[in-house]
Amino acid sequence: LISCSVDGLCDGSTPMLEKEVKEETLSISLVEHEMLGEYVNLRQMQPFDRCEEGKKPSDAVMCDLGATAEDATDGDLTPAVLSCPPGGCLAKGNCPGHEFINKGTK
C-alpha cells in the first residue's frame, strides 16, 4: 500500500491510476427442450430427475436436462452448476455432492 500526502502524489511522481477492474460476465442457461417449458406436467408418482446421458425428455420418461454455465475466464462451468444445495455449504463456497451432474433434481 502506497500513501502520499499531497493530492495523492508522492514528491516528484505522477499520479497512480487505479487498475481497471472489469466485471466478469457469467452466463447460465437452462438446457431447452420442446417438452420442458415454463411448466412440466407429470403424472402422479412419475419420477422426475436429471436425464441420463444421451437421453432426452419424452412422454414415457420426463427428465431435466439441467443448465449450462460459462464465463470468459474459466470457460465451461457446467460441471459446477448446483442442484438444491443446503445454505450452509453455499456460505462456505463449497458444496461437493450437490452438483447437478451428480445429484440431479433430488
C-alpha atoms as a PDB file:
ATOM      1  CA  LEU A   1       0.000   0.000   0.000  1.00  0.00           C
ATOM      2  CA  ILE A   2       1.402   3.393  -1.001  1.00  0.00           C
ATOM      3  CA  SER A   3       0.101   6.540   0.636  1.00  0.00           C
ATOM      4  CA  CYS A   4       1.046  10.028  -0.395  1.00  0.00           C
ATOM      5  CA  SER A   5       0.087  13.214   1.348  1.00  0.00           C
ATOM      6  CA  VAL A   6      -0.307  15.807  -1.417  1.00  0.00           C
ATOM      7  CA  ASP A   7      -3.267  15.217  -3.727  1.00  0.00           C
ATOM      8  CA  GLY A   8      -2.432  11.515  -3.954  1.00  0.00           C
ATOM      9  CA  LEU A   9       1.068  12.215  -5.273  1.00  0.00           C
ATOM     10  CA  CYS A  10       4.434  11.429  -3.809  1.00  0.00           C
ATOM     11  CA  ASP A  11       7.141  14.037  -4.306  1.00  0.00           C
ATOM     12  CA  GLY A  12       8.289  14.049  -7.931  1.00  0.00           C
ATOM     13  CA  SER A  13       5.901  11.283  -9.085  1.00  0.00           C
ATOM     14  CA  THR A  14       2.995  11.053 -11.445  1.00  0.00           C
ATOM     15  CA  PRO A  15      -0.487  10.114 -10.276  1.00  0.00           C
ATOM     16  CA  MET A  16      -1.098   6.416  -9.749  1.00  0.00           C
ATOM     17  CA  LEU A  17      -4.060   5.196 -11.713  1.00  0.00           C
ATOM     18  CA  GLU A  18      -6.242   2.563 -10.164  1.00  0.00           C
ATOM     19  CA  LYS A  19      -6.125  -0.688 -12.037  1.00  0.00           C
ATOM     20  CA  GLU A  20      -9.219  -1.042 -14.170  1.00  0.00           C
ATOM     21  CA  VAL A  21     -11.432  -3.813 -12.880  1.00  0.00           C
ATOM     22  CA  LYS A  22     -13.628  -5.389 -15.500  1.00  0.00           C
ATOM     23  CA  GLU A  23     -16.811  -7.101 -14.454  1.00  0.00           C
ATOM     24  CA  GLU A  24     -16.753 -10.704 -15.478  1.00  0.00           C
ATOM     25  CA  THR A  25     -19.833 -11.900 -17.287  1.00  0.00           C
ATOM     26  CA  LEU A  26     -21.253 -15.217 -16.171  1.00  0.00           C
ATOM     27  CA  SER A  27     -23.752 -16.886 -18.455  1.00  0.00           C
ATOM     28  CA  ILE A  28     -26.063 -19.605 -17.159  1.00  0.00           C
ATOM     29  CA  SER A  29     -28.896 -21.056 -19.224  1.00  0.00           C
ATOM     30  CA  LEU A  30     -31.361 -23.878 -18.794  1.00  0.00           C
ATOM     31  CA  VAL A  31     -30.980 -26.536 -21.461  1.00  0.00           C
ATOM     32  CA  GLU A  32     -34.133 -26.187 -23.520  1.00  0.00           C
ATOM     33  CA  HIS A  33     -36.330 -28.908 -24.968  1.00  0.00           C
ATOM     34  CA  GLU A  34     -39.809 -28.716 -26.505  1.00  0.00           C
ATOM     35  CA  MET A  35     -41.225 -30.830 -23.645  1.00  0.00           C
ATOM     36  CA  LEU A  36     -39.674 -28.621 -20.962  1.00  0.00           C
ATOM     37  CA  GLY A  37     -41.480 -25.321 -20.883  1.00  0.00           C
ATOM     38  CA  GLU A  38     -42.331 -22.940 -18.086  1.00  0.00           C
ATOM     39  CA  TYR A  39     -44.362 -25.753 -16.535  1.00  0.00           C
ATOM     40  CA  VAL A  40     -43.879 -29.511 -16.720  1.00  0.00           C
ATOM     41  CA  ASN A  41     -46.845 -31.864 -16.471  1.00  0.00           C
ATOM     42  CA  LEU A  42     -46.119 -35.050 -14.563  1.00  0.00           C
ATOM     43  CA  ARG A  43     -48.437 -37.915 -13.769  1.00  0.00           C
ATOM     44  CA  GLN A  44     -48.820 -38.721 -10.093  1.00  0.00           C
ATOM     45  CA  MET A  45     -45.915 -40.864  -8.855  1.00  0.00           C
ATOM     46  CA  GLN A  46     -43.989 -40.254 -12.106  1.00  0.00           C
ATOM     47  CA  PRO A  47     -40.312 -39.691 -11.247  1.00  0.00           C
ATOM     48  CA  PHE A  48     -38.555 -36.546 -12.389  1.00  0.00           C
ATOM     49  CA  ASP A  49     -34.770 -36.416 -12.214  1.00  0.00           C
ATOM     50  CA  ARG A  50     -31.890 -35.457 -14.464  1.00  0.00           C
ATOM     51  CA  CYS A  51     -31.828 -37.096 -17.875  1.00  0.00           C
ATOM     52  CA  GLU A  52     -29.447 -39.980 -18.271  1.00  0.00           C
ATOM     53  CA  GLU A  53     -26.507 -39.195 -20.516  1.00  0.00           C
ATOM     54  CA  GLY A  54     -27.623 -39.120 -24.145  1.00  0.00           C
ATOM     55  CA  LYS A  55     -31.356 -39.233 -23.228  1.00  0.00           C
ATOM     56  CA  LYS A  56     -33.999 -36.560 -23.816  1.00  0.00           C
ATOM     57  CA  PRO A  57     -37.385 -35.979 -22.159  1.00  0.00           C
ATOM     58  CA  SER A  58     -40.282 -37.933 -23.668  1.00  0.00           C
ATOM     59  CA  ASP A  59     -43.891 -38.802 -22.817  1.00  0.00           C
ATOM     60  CA  ALA A  60     -42.615 -42.064 -21.339  1.00  0.00           C
ATOM     61  CA  VAL A  61     -39.762 -40.547 -19.311  1.00  0.00           C
ATOM     62  CA  MET A  62     -39.756 -36.914 -18.255  1.00  0.00           C
ATOM     63  CA  CYS A  63     -36.367 -35.660 -17.116  1.00  0.00           C
ATOM     64  CA  ASP A  64     -34.406 -32.467 -16.564  1.00  0.00           C
ATOM     65  CA  LEU A  65     -31.576 -31.602 -18.954  1.00  0.00           C
ATOM     66  CA  GLY A  66     -30.014 -29.191 -16.455  1.00  0.00           C
ATOM     67  CA  ALA A  67     -28.171 -25.994 -17.267  1.00  0.00           C
ATOM     68  CA  THR A  68     -25.000 -24.811 -18.923  1.00  0.00           C
ATOM     69  CA  ALA A  69     -22.741 -22.147 -17.455  1.00  0.00           C
ATOM     70  CA  GLU A  70     -19.633 -20.353 -18.670  1.00  0.00           C
ATOM     71  CA  ASP A  71     -17.561 -17.261 -18.146  1.00  0.00           C
ATOM     72  CA  ALA A  72     -14.742 -15.591 -20.044  1.00  0.00           C
ATOM     73  CA  THR A  73     -12.038 -16.555 -17.535  1.00  0.00           C
ATOM     74  CA  ASP A  74     -12.781 -20.191 -16.691  1.00  0.00           C
ATOM     75  CA  GLY A  75     -14.765 -21.202 -19.769  1.00  0.00           C
ATOM     76  CA  ASP A  76     -17.197 -24.080 -19.231  1.00  0.00           C
ATOM     77  CA  LEU A  77     -18.561 -24.084 -15.671  1.00  0.00           C
ATOM     78  CA  THR A  78     -21.366 -26.577 -16.352  1.00  0.00           C
ATOM     79  CA  PRO A  79     -19.933 -29.256 -14.026  1.00  0.00           C
ATOM     80  CA  ALA A  80     -20.123 -26.714 -11.178  1.00  0.00           C
ATOM     81  CA  VAL A  81     -23.871 -25.965 -11.571  1.00  0.00           C
ATOM     82  CA  LEU A  82     -25.512 -26.854  -8.252  1.00  0.00           C
ATOM     83  CA  SER A  83     -28.848 -28.516  -7.554  1.00  0.00           C
ATOM     84  CA  CYS A  84     -30.679 -27.572  -4.337  1.00  0.00           C
ATOM     85  CA  PRO A  85     -27.588 -27.207  -2.131  1.00  0.00           C
ATOM     86  CA  PRO A  86     -28.115 -26.530   1.572  1.00  0.00           C
ATOM     87  CA  GLY A  87     -27.457 -22.961   2.652  1.00  0.00           C
ATOM     88  CA  GLY A  88     -24.555 -23.970   4.871  1.00  0.00           C
ATOM     89  CA  CYS A  89     -22.394 -25.136   2.002  1.00  0.00           C
ATOM     90  CA  LEU A  90     -23.199 -22.029  -0.040  1.00  0.00           C
ATOM     91  CA  ALA A  91     -21.957 -19.847   2.790  1.00  0.00           C
ATOM     92  CA  LYS A  92     -18.670 -21.793   2.782  1.00  0.00           C
ATOM     93  CA  GLY A  93     -18.461 -21.701  -1.024  1.00  0.00           C
ATOM     94  CA  ASN A  94     -18.028 -25.468  -1.167  1.00  0.00           C
ATOM     95  CA  CYS A  95     -20.881 -27.842  -1.966  1.00  0.00           C
ATOM     96  CA  PRO A  96     -19.428 -31.228  -3.003  1.00  0.00           C
ATOM     97  CA  GLY A  97     -22.069 -33.750  -3.968  1.00  0.00           C
ATOM     98  CA  HIS A  98     -24.644 -31.092  -4.858  1.00  0.00           C
ATOM     99  CA  GLU A  99     -23.561 -30.637  -8.476  1.00  0.00           C
ATOM    100  CA  PHE A 100     -26.448 -31.217 -10.880  1.00  0.00           C
ATOM    101  CA  ILE A 101     -24.407 -33.751 -12.847  1.00  0.00           C
ATOM    102  CA  ASN A 102     -24.029 -35.849  -9.669  1.00  0.00           C
ATOM    103  CA  LYS A 103     -27.209 -35.127  -7.701  1.00  0.00           C
ATOM    104  CA  GLY A 104     -29.836 -34.462 -10.333  1.00  0.00           C
ATOM    105  CA  THR A 105     -33.024 -32.850  -9.038  1.00  0.00           C
ATOM    106  CA  LYS A 106     -33.067 -34.618  -5.654  1.00  0.00           C
END
